[in-house]
Amino acid sequence: MAAPAEHRFPCAQCGASLRFQPGQHSLVCDWCGHRQEIGPGPARAPGLPRAGANPPPLQWDAAHKAPELAEIPLDQGLHLDADSTIAQVVRTLSCPQCGARVDLDETHHAGACPFCASPVVTDTGTTRRIKPQGVLPFALTHDQARDAMTDWLGGLWFAPSGLTAYARRDRRLTGVYSPFWTFDAASRSRYRGQRGDVYYVTQWVTQTVNGRSQRVARQVPRIRWSPASGQVSRDFNDVLVLASTALPARITDALVPWDLSQLSGYDPAFLSGFEAEGYTVPLTDGHQAARAQMAQVIAADVRRAIGGSQQRIDSLESDFSAETFKHILLPVWTAAYRYNGKSYRFVVNGQSGRVAGERPWSAWKIAAAVAVALVALTAILYVTGSG
């Protein structure tokens, strides 16, 4: 097995390691301040987005051409051979608690998991995985992401006081590139079903009006069903599937939307100073998840094609062609908070500033709120009863 690739970006002035500057298209040296532009690719316009805002559009440097984001035929990824050019060997750090895998360079040997704060040690083994084809560079700086998370934590009701103190202590967040799969496909689907059209019939009912019984006409809806069949076609582009199990899907789903039009061709310079999580959801499983998303869209297309007030789908068969995929990395700022022996995770979309996460509840604050509510209710009942 080939040796894992290592990437270092030394400063041209002092030799220290450069790191990627969020919101810019450059690497910066923390020691001497030297700035070095990343090679061909998008250069971000001056000015960083405020926390929670959408990042400004990327402006392309006229001297460079944007790197191509190559789509890979699905069969090529599902049947990797020993000489495959789309795979690479990496060293990973594995978390025994949440299962996250973080790709390592030669400067990392141990640390805490960025997703659950559990202590972890270096996994000295190597893994052969599909290379990333694209990366969405961080647009929010650390301070912007922390401000967004602090605002979000400050708005949580019945949170423990320690959580508020945690937010005020300026705890550092970890910038992690999280792995995703994207899938493209052309679909053609055949369906059989039923179309339901509403019509109304008149029913006479007996009602009491002004103390007298009367016969009154009422319009009652009915459904007339008729057979329907046909075909629908749909081209899918960049169906996004999380390729990690480190965070629950409900958290990562809350970070959408992602503006994938801002993807750059993969360049390890974007990862300098950040961590990159290795995928733990195999391509096969990711493809199945993408197919499930596509099936929901196709079913909605069929219902529109059937028309009417209601629809029934009796059978639906889909053929897929021109299936391709990409392995991409998306930017996430993460933090973990431990309360009563349990870890709670918070994440910030590194492009838009959207925040999501788990939250602890303070039993004391909830009990106090219930007690206050009961006292207030008792007082109201007393006043109204006395009157």
Protein backbone atom coordinates (compact mmCIF):
# COMPACT_ATOMS: atom_id res chain seq x y z
CA MET A 1 0.00 0.00 0.00
CA ALA A 2 1.33 3.42 -0.94
CA ALA A 3 2.35 5.85 1.77
CA PRO A 4 -0.33 8.38 2.77
CA ALA A 5 -0.04 11.82 1.23
CA GLU A 6 1.24 14.60 3.51
CA HIS A 7 0.75 18.29 2.81
CA ARG A 8 2.63 21.18 4.40
CA PHE A 9 2.49 24.82 3.41
CA PRO A 10 5.56 26.63 4.84
CA CYS A 11 5.68 30.41 4.93
CA ALA A 12 8.04 31.81 2.29
CA GLN A 13 9.31 34.43 4.79
CA CYS A 14 9.72 32.64 8.12
CA GLY A 15 9.10 28.96 7.42
CA ALA A 16 6.15 28.58 9.83
CA SER A 17 3.05 26.73 8.68
CA LEU A 18 0.50 28.72 6.72
CA ARG A 19 -3.22 28.28 7.30
CA PHE A 20 -6.24 28.98 5.13
CA GLN A 21 -7.92 32.33 5.78
CA PRO A 22 -11.75 31.91 5.79
CA GLY A 23 -13.52 34.20 3.37
CA GLN A 24 -10.34 34.76 1.39
CA HIS A 25 -8.53 32.84 -1.32
CA SER A 26 -5.22 32.86 0.48
CA LEU A 27 -3.05 31.29 3.16
CA VAL A 28 -1.79 33.44 6.03
CA CYS A 29 1.11 33.06 8.47
CA ASP A 30 0.17 33.61 12.12
CA TRP A 31 3.78 34.42 13.00
CA CYS A 32 4.82 37.07 10.50
CA GLY A 33 1.53 37.91 8.76
CA HIS A 34 2.74 36.91 5.30
CA ARG A 35 -0.12 36.20 2.90
CA GLN A 36 0.10 33.78 0.00
CA GLU A 37 -2.57 33.36 -2.64
CA ILE A 38 -3.84 29.85 -3.35
CA GLY A 39 -3.30 28.73 -6.97
CA PRO A 40 -5.94 28.69 -9.71
CA GLY A 41 -9.43 28.97 -8.38
CA PRO A 42 -11.96 31.40 -6.98
CA ALA A 43 -10.89 34.53 -5.15
CA ARG A 44 -13.41 35.92 -2.70
CA ALA A 45 -14.34 39.57 -2.89
CA PRO A 46 -13.08 41.79 -0.03
CA GLY A 47 -15.19 41.83 3.11
CA LEU A 48 -16.40 38.92 5.22
CA PRO A 49 -20.05 38.04 5.78
CA ARG A 50 -21.58 38.80 9.13
CA ALA A 51 -22.56 35.77 11.19
CA GLY A 52 -25.77 34.23 9.90
CA ALA A 53 -25.58 35.97 6.53
CA ASN A 54 -25.00 34.36 3.18
CA PRO A 55 -21.40 34.72 1.98
CA PRO A 56 -20.66 37.08 -0.88
CA PRO A 57 -20.38 35.44 -4.28
CA LEU A 58 -16.97 34.23 -5.36
CA GLN A 59 -15.22 36.43 -7.89
CA TRP A 60 -12.87 34.70 -10.30
CA ASP A 61 -9.39 36.08 -10.79
CA ALA A 62 -9.08 36.85 -14.48
CA ALA A 63 -5.56 35.43 -14.49
CA HIS A 64 -6.74 31.97 -13.47
CA LYS A 65 -9.28 29.50 -14.72
CA ALA A 66 -11.61 27.82 -12.24
CA PRO A 67 -10.63 24.23 -11.47
CA GLU A 68 -12.88 21.61 -12.96
CA LEU A 69 -15.11 19.61 -10.65
CA ALA A 70 -15.00 16.21 -12.30
CA GLU A 71 -18.05 13.97 -12.07
CA ILE A 72 -17.04 10.31 -11.65
CA PRO A 73 -19.06 7.48 -13.21
CA LEU A 74 -20.86 5.68 -10.41
CA ASP A 75 -19.70 2.22 -11.48
CA GLN A 76 -16.08 3.35 -11.23
CA GLY A 77 -16.59 4.30 -7.58
CA LEU A 78 -18.59 1.21 -6.66
CA HIS A 79 -15.97 -1.14 -8.09
CA LEU A 80 -12.61 0.25 -6.98
CA ASP A 81 -9.62 -1.80 -8.07
CA ALA A 82 -6.10 -1.77 -6.68
CA ASP A 83 -4.86 0.65 -9.34
CA SER A 84 -7.76 3.08 -9.16
CA THR A 85 -6.72 6.69 -9.63
CA ILE A 86 -9.68 8.07 -7.69
CA ALA A 87 -8.52 6.55 -4.37
CA GLN A 88 -5.82 7.61 -1.92
CA VAL A 89 -4.23 6.29 1.28
CA VAL A 90 -4.79 8.37 4.43
CA ARG A 91 -4.00 8.17 8.12
CA THR A 92 -6.99 8.66 10.36
CA LEU A 93 -7.78 9.41 13.97
CA SER A 94 -10.81 7.42 15.15
CA CYS A 95 -13.17 8.42 17.95
CA PRO A 96 -14.38 5.40 19.96
CA GLN A 97 -17.36 7.38 21.26
CA CYS A 98 -19.14 8.80 18.18
CA GLY A 99 -17.29 7.00 15.41
CA ALA A 100 -15.89 10.11 13.72
CA ARG A 101 -12.75 9.73 11.63
CA VAL A 102 -10.47 12.72 11.17
CA ASP A 103 -7.77 12.68 8.52
CA LEU A 104 -4.33 13.44 9.95
CA ASP A 105 -1.19 15.13 8.73
CA GLU A 106 2.26 14.68 10.23
CA THR A 107 1.62 17.34 12.91
CA HIS A 108 -1.37 15.55 14.51
CA HIS A 109 -0.90 12.64 16.88
CA ALA A 110 -3.62 12.89 19.54
CA GLY A 111 -6.35 15.19 20.69
CA ALA A 112 -10.06 15.50 21.41
CA CYS A 113 -12.83 14.60 19.01
CA PRO A 114 -14.22 17.81 17.45
CA PHE A 115 -17.76 16.37 17.51
CA CYS A 116 -18.17 14.95 21.02
CA ALA A 117 -15.06 16.17 22.92
CA SER A 118 -14.03 12.62 23.82
CA PRO A 119 -10.29 12.00 24.22
CA VAL A 120 -8.90 10.09 21.26
CA VAL A 121 -5.56 8.70 20.24
CA THR A 122 -3.98 8.38 16.83
CA ASP A 123 -4.98 5.41 14.73
CA THR A 124 -1.59 4.59 13.28
CA GLY A 125 -3.13 2.45 10.55
CA THR A 126 -3.89 3.67 7.04
CA THR A 127 -7.08 3.56 5.04
CA ARG A 128 -7.65 3.62 1.29
CA ARG A 129 -10.51 5.91 0.39
CA ILE A 130 -11.97 7.82 -2.54
CA LYS A 131 -10.32 11.22 -2.95
CA PRO A 132 -12.34 14.40 -2.52
CA GLN A 133 -13.18 16.04 -5.85
CA GLY A 134 -14.40 19.34 -4.46
CA VAL A 135 -14.23 21.54 -1.39
CA LEU A 136 -16.42 24.41 -0.23
CA PRO A 137 -13.95 26.77 1.52
CA PHE A 138 -14.82 28.29 4.89
CA ALA A 139 -16.46 31.70 4.46
CA LEU A 140 -16.98 32.50 8.17
CA THR A 141 -14.03 33.21 10.43
CA HIS A 142 -13.74 31.61 13.84
CA ASP A 143 -14.98 34.77 15.59
CA GLN A 144 -17.99 35.08 13.30
CA ALA A 145 -18.94 31.44 13.89
CA ARG A 146 -18.51 31.86 17.66
CA ASP A 147 -20.75 34.94 17.64
CA ALA A 148 -23.42 33.01 15.73
CA MET A 149 -23.23 30.10 18.19
CA THR A 150 -23.27 32.41 21.23
CA ASP A 151 -26.40 34.16 19.96
CA TRP A 152 -28.05 30.79 19.37
CA LEU A 153 -27.15 29.46 22.82
CA GLY A 154 -28.33 32.69 24.44
CA GLY A 155 -31.78 32.22 22.92
CA LEU A 156 -32.36 28.74 24.39
CA TRP A 157 -35.09 28.57 27.01
CA PHE A 158 -34.57 26.54 30.20
CA ALA A 159 -30.90 25.93 29.43
CA PRO A 160 -28.53 25.27 32.38
CA SER A 161 -26.73 28.33 33.67
CA GLY A 162 -23.45 26.58 32.95
CA LEU A 163 -24.31 26.60 29.25
CA THR A 164 -24.65 30.37 29.27
CA ALA A 165 -21.31 30.62 31.08
CA TYR A 166 -19.79 28.28 28.50
CA ALA A 167 -20.90 30.61 25.72
CA ARG A 168 -19.43 33.64 27.49
CA ARG A 169 -16.02 32.08 28.12
CA ASP A 170 -15.05 32.45 24.47
CA ARG A 171 -14.45 28.74 24.07
CA ARG A 172 -12.80 27.96 20.77
CA LEU A 173 -14.59 26.16 18.01
CA THR A 174 -12.97 23.61 15.73
CA GLY A 175 -13.13 24.05 11.98
CA VAL A 176 -13.82 20.73 10.29
CA TYR A 177 -14.45 19.87 6.67
CA SER A 178 -17.24 17.29 6.76
CA PRO A 179 -17.56 14.66 4.00
CA PHE A 180 -20.55 14.47 1.67
CA TRP A 181 -21.48 12.57 -1.46
CA THR A 182 -23.30 14.21 -4.37
CA PHE A 183 -25.07 12.22 -7.05
CA ASP A 184 -26.27 13.02 -10.55
CA ALA A 185 -28.64 10.86 -12.58
CA ALA A 186 -31.14 10.88 -15.43
CA SER A 187 -34.37 9.07 -14.59
CA ARG A 188 -37.32 7.84 -16.60
CA SER A 189 -40.30 6.45 -14.69
CA ARG A 190 -43.46 4.58 -15.69
CA TYR A 191 -46.50 4.72 -13.46
CA ARG A 192 -50.04 3.44 -13.07
CA GLY A 193 -52.48 4.95 -10.66
CA GLN A 194 -55.77 6.68 -10.18
CA ARG A 195 -56.92 10.25 -10.43
CA GLY A 196 -59.51 11.50 -7.95
CA ASP A 197 -61.76 14.40 -8.93
CA VAL A 198 -64.08 16.02 -6.44
CA TYR A 199 -67.76 16.42 -7.26
CA TYR A 200 -70.69 17.32 -5.03
CA VAL A 201 -74.05 15.68 -4.37
CA THR A 202 -77.05 17.13 -2.62
CA GLN A 203 -78.18 15.53 0.60
CA TRP A 204 -81.30 16.53 2.52
CA VAL A 205 -80.97 16.60 6.26
CA THR A 206 -83.32 17.55 9.06
CA GLN A 207 -82.31 20.55 11.17
CA THR A 208 -84.05 22.52 13.89
CA VAL A 209 -84.45 26.16 12.85
CA ASN A 210 -86.15 28.60 15.25
CA GLY A 211 -87.58 25.69 17.20
CA ARG A 212 -89.03 23.97 14.13
CA SER A 213 -87.72 20.99 12.20
CA GLN A 214 -86.88 21.70 8.58
CA ARG A 215 -85.45 19.78 5.67
CA VAL A 216 -82.23 21.51 4.53
CA ALA A 217 -80.13 20.78 1.41
CA ARG A 218 -76.42 20.21 2.00
CA GLN A 219 -73.66 19.84 -0.60
CA VAL A 220 -71.52 16.80 0.23
CA PRO A 221 -68.17 16.17 -1.54
CA ARG A 222 -67.50 12.87 -3.28
CA ILE A 223 -64.43 11.57 -5.15
CA ARG A 224 -64.69 10.14 -8.66
CA TRP A 225 -61.72 7.88 -9.38
CA SER A 226 -60.46 7.22 -12.90
CA PRO A 227 -57.41 5.23 -14.10
CA ALA A 228 -54.21 7.09 -14.98
CA SER A 229 -50.89 5.99 -16.42
CA GLY A 230 -47.90 7.51 -18.18
CA GLN A 231 -44.24 8.41 -17.91
CA VAL A 232 -42.24 11.15 -16.23
CA SER A 233 -38.59 12.12 -16.64
CA ARG A 234 -36.29 13.94 -14.26
CA ASP A 235 -32.60 14.88 -14.32
CA PHE A 236 -31.03 15.03 -10.87
CA ASN A 237 -28.02 17.22 -10.12
CA ASP A 238 -25.96 17.22 -6.91
CA VAL A 239 -28.29 15.20 -4.68
CA LEU A 240 -26.50 15.72 -1.37
CA VAL A 241 -25.90 12.89 1.12
CA LEU A 242 -23.96 13.18 4.38
CA ALA A 243 -21.05 10.73 4.34
CA SER A 244 -20.46 10.72 8.10
CA THR A 245 -22.12 9.18 11.15
CA ALA A 246 -20.36 11.43 13.67
CA LEU A 247 -23.37 13.74 13.97
CA PRO A 248 -27.09 12.86 13.89
CA ALA A 249 -28.76 13.60 10.57
CA ARG A 250 -31.26 15.91 12.30
CA ILE A 251 -28.37 18.25 13.17
CA THR A 252 -26.66 18.27 9.80
CA ASP A 253 -30.01 18.54 7.98
CA ALA A 254 -30.65 21.73 9.94
CA LEU A 255 -27.55 23.32 8.37
CA VAL A 256 -29.02 23.40 4.86
CA PRO A 257 -29.07 25.04 2.44
CA TRP A 258 -25.53 24.84 1.04
CA ASP A 259 -24.66 26.89 -2.02
CA LEU A 260 -22.81 24.22 -3.99
CA SER A 261 -22.26 26.61 -6.88
CA GLN A 262 -19.37 27.94 -4.77
CA LEU A 263 -17.51 24.61 -4.77
CA SER A 264 -13.86 24.70 -5.77
CA GLY A 265 -11.84 21.86 -7.17
CA TYR A 266 -10.14 20.05 -4.32
CA ASP A 267 -6.94 21.72 -3.16
CA PRO A 268 -5.32 20.66 0.15
CA ALA A 269 -4.39 24.32 0.73
CA PHE A 270 -8.00 24.99 1.72
CA LEU A 271 -7.58 22.44 4.53
CA SER A 272 -4.44 24.02 6.00
CA GLY A 273 -5.16 24.92 9.63
CA PHE A 274 -8.39 22.91 9.68
CA GLU A 275 -9.34 19.30 10.22
CA ALA A 276 -10.89 17.07 7.57
CA GLU A 277 -13.26 14.29 8.54
CA GLY A 278 -12.99 11.04 6.62
CA TYR A 279 -16.20 9.51 5.33
CA THR A 280 -17.71 6.62 7.28
CA VAL A 281 -20.77 6.13 5.04
CA PRO A 282 -19.62 3.99 2.10
CA LEU A 283 -20.44 5.11 -1.43
CA THR A 284 -22.90 2.19 -1.78
CA ASP A 285 -24.91 3.34 1.24
CA GLY A 286 -24.73 6.96 0.11
CA HIS A 287 -26.08 5.94 -3.29
CA GLN A 288 -29.02 4.15 -1.67
CA ALA A 289 -29.80 7.25 0.40
CA ALA A 290 -29.65 9.40 -2.74
CA ARG A 291 -31.99 7.01 -4.55
CA ALA A 292 -34.45 7.36 -1.65
CA GLN A 293 -34.37 11.16 -2.05
CA MET A 294 -34.86 10.80 -5.80
CA ALA A 295 -37.80 8.44 -5.27
CA GLN A 296 -39.62 11.09 -3.23
CA VAL A 297 -39.12 13.68 -5.97
CA ILE A 298 -40.24 11.25 -8.68
CA ALA A 299 -43.38 10.37 -6.69
CA ALA A 300 -44.20 14.09 -6.44
CA ASP A 301 -43.69 14.40 -10.23
CA VAL A 302 -46.09 11.49 -10.78
CA ARG A 303 -48.76 13.04 -8.57
CA ARG A 304 -48.52 16.27 -10.54
CA ALA A 305 -48.76 14.34 -13.79
CA ILE A 306 -51.85 12.44 -12.61
CA GLY A 307 -53.48 15.69 -11.55
CA GLY A 308 -56.93 15.98 -10.02
CA SER A 309 -57.79 16.63 -6.40
CA GLN A 310 -56.28 13.40 -5.09
CA GLN A 311 -53.94 10.79 -6.50
CA ARG A 312 -53.21 7.12 -5.92
CA ILE A 313 -50.00 5.53 -7.18
CA ASP A 314 -50.49 1.82 -7.73
CA SER A 315 -47.14 1.06 -9.38
CA LEU A 316 -44.02 3.06 -10.15
CA GLU A 317 -40.90 1.78 -11.92
CA SER A 318 -37.86 3.96 -12.53
CA ASP A 319 -34.82 3.48 -14.74
CA PHE A 320 -31.64 5.47 -14.03
CA SER A 321 -28.84 6.29 -16.42
CA ALA A 322 -25.78 8.56 -16.64
CA GLU A 323 -25.21 8.12 -12.90
CA THR A 324 -22.20 9.97 -11.53
CA PHE A 325 -20.97 11.08 -8.11
CA LYS A 326 -18.54 13.38 -6.33
CA HIS A 327 -16.91 13.22 -2.92
CA ILE A 328 -16.91 16.78 -1.51
CA LEU A 329 -15.96 18.50 1.75
CA LEU A 330 -18.22 21.13 3.33
CA PRO A 331 -17.14 23.55 6.10
CA VAL A 332 -18.50 23.16 9.64
CA TRP A 333 -17.46 24.87 12.87
CA THR A 334 -18.04 22.51 15.81
CA ALA A 335 -18.12 22.68 19.60
CA ALA A 336 -19.02 20.18 22.30
CA TYR A 337 -20.37 20.90 25.81
CA ARG A 338 -20.47 18.33 28.60
CA TYR A 339 -23.31 18.52 31.15
CA ASN A 340 -24.12 15.89 33.79
CA GLY A 341 -21.74 13.44 32.14
CA LYS A 342 -23.29 13.78 28.68
CA SER A 343 -21.85 15.50 25.63
CA TYR A 344 -23.93 17.99 23.61
CA ARG A 345 -22.81 19.01 20.12
CA PHE A 346 -23.22 22.38 18.41
CA VAL A 347 -22.38 23.06 14.78
CA VAL A 348 -22.25 26.19 12.63
CA ASN A 349 -22.52 26.16 8.85
CA GLY A 350 -19.13 27.57 7.82
CA GLN A 351 -20.64 29.15 4.72
CA SER A 352 -23.92 30.71 5.92
CA GLY A 353 -23.60 30.88 9.72
CA ARG A 354 -26.71 28.77 10.33
CA VAL A 355 -26.50 27.07 13.76
CA ALA A 356 -27.86 23.71 14.89
CA GLY A 357 -27.21 21.32 17.72
CA GLU A 358 -28.34 19.42 20.75
CA ARG A 359 -29.28 21.22 23.93
CA PRO A 360 -29.47 20.23 27.61
CA TRP A 361 -32.50 21.18 29.74
CA SER A 362 -32.31 22.49 33.29
CA ALA A 363 -34.74 20.50 35.45
CA TRP A 364 -34.54 23.19 38.15
CA LYS A 365 -35.49 25.98 35.75
CA ILE A 366 -38.38 23.96 34.34
CA ALA A 367 -39.63 23.13 37.84
CA ALA A 368 -39.38 26.78 38.87
CA ALA A 369 -41.30 27.88 35.76
CA VAL A 370 -44.05 25.34 36.44
CA ALA A 371 -44.29 26.49 40.08
CA VAL A 372 -44.59 30.13 39.03
CA ALA A 373 -47.27 29.21 36.48
CA LEU A 374 -49.25 27.29 39.11
CA VAL A 375 -49.07 30.20 41.57
CA ALA A 376 -50.26 32.59 38.86
CA LEU A 377 -53.12 30.25 37.88
CA THR A 378 -54.18 29.87 41.51
CA ALA A 379 -54.22 33.65 41.94
CA ILE A 380 -56.33 34.12 38.81
CA LEU A 381 -58.84 31.47 39.92
CA TYR A 382 -59.03 33.05 43.38
CA VAL A 383 -59.72 36.51 41.96
CA THR A 384 -62.34 35.31 39.49
CA GLY A 385 -63.99 33.13 42.17
CA SER A 386 -64.13 36.01 44.66
CA GLY A 387 -65.77 38.26 42.12
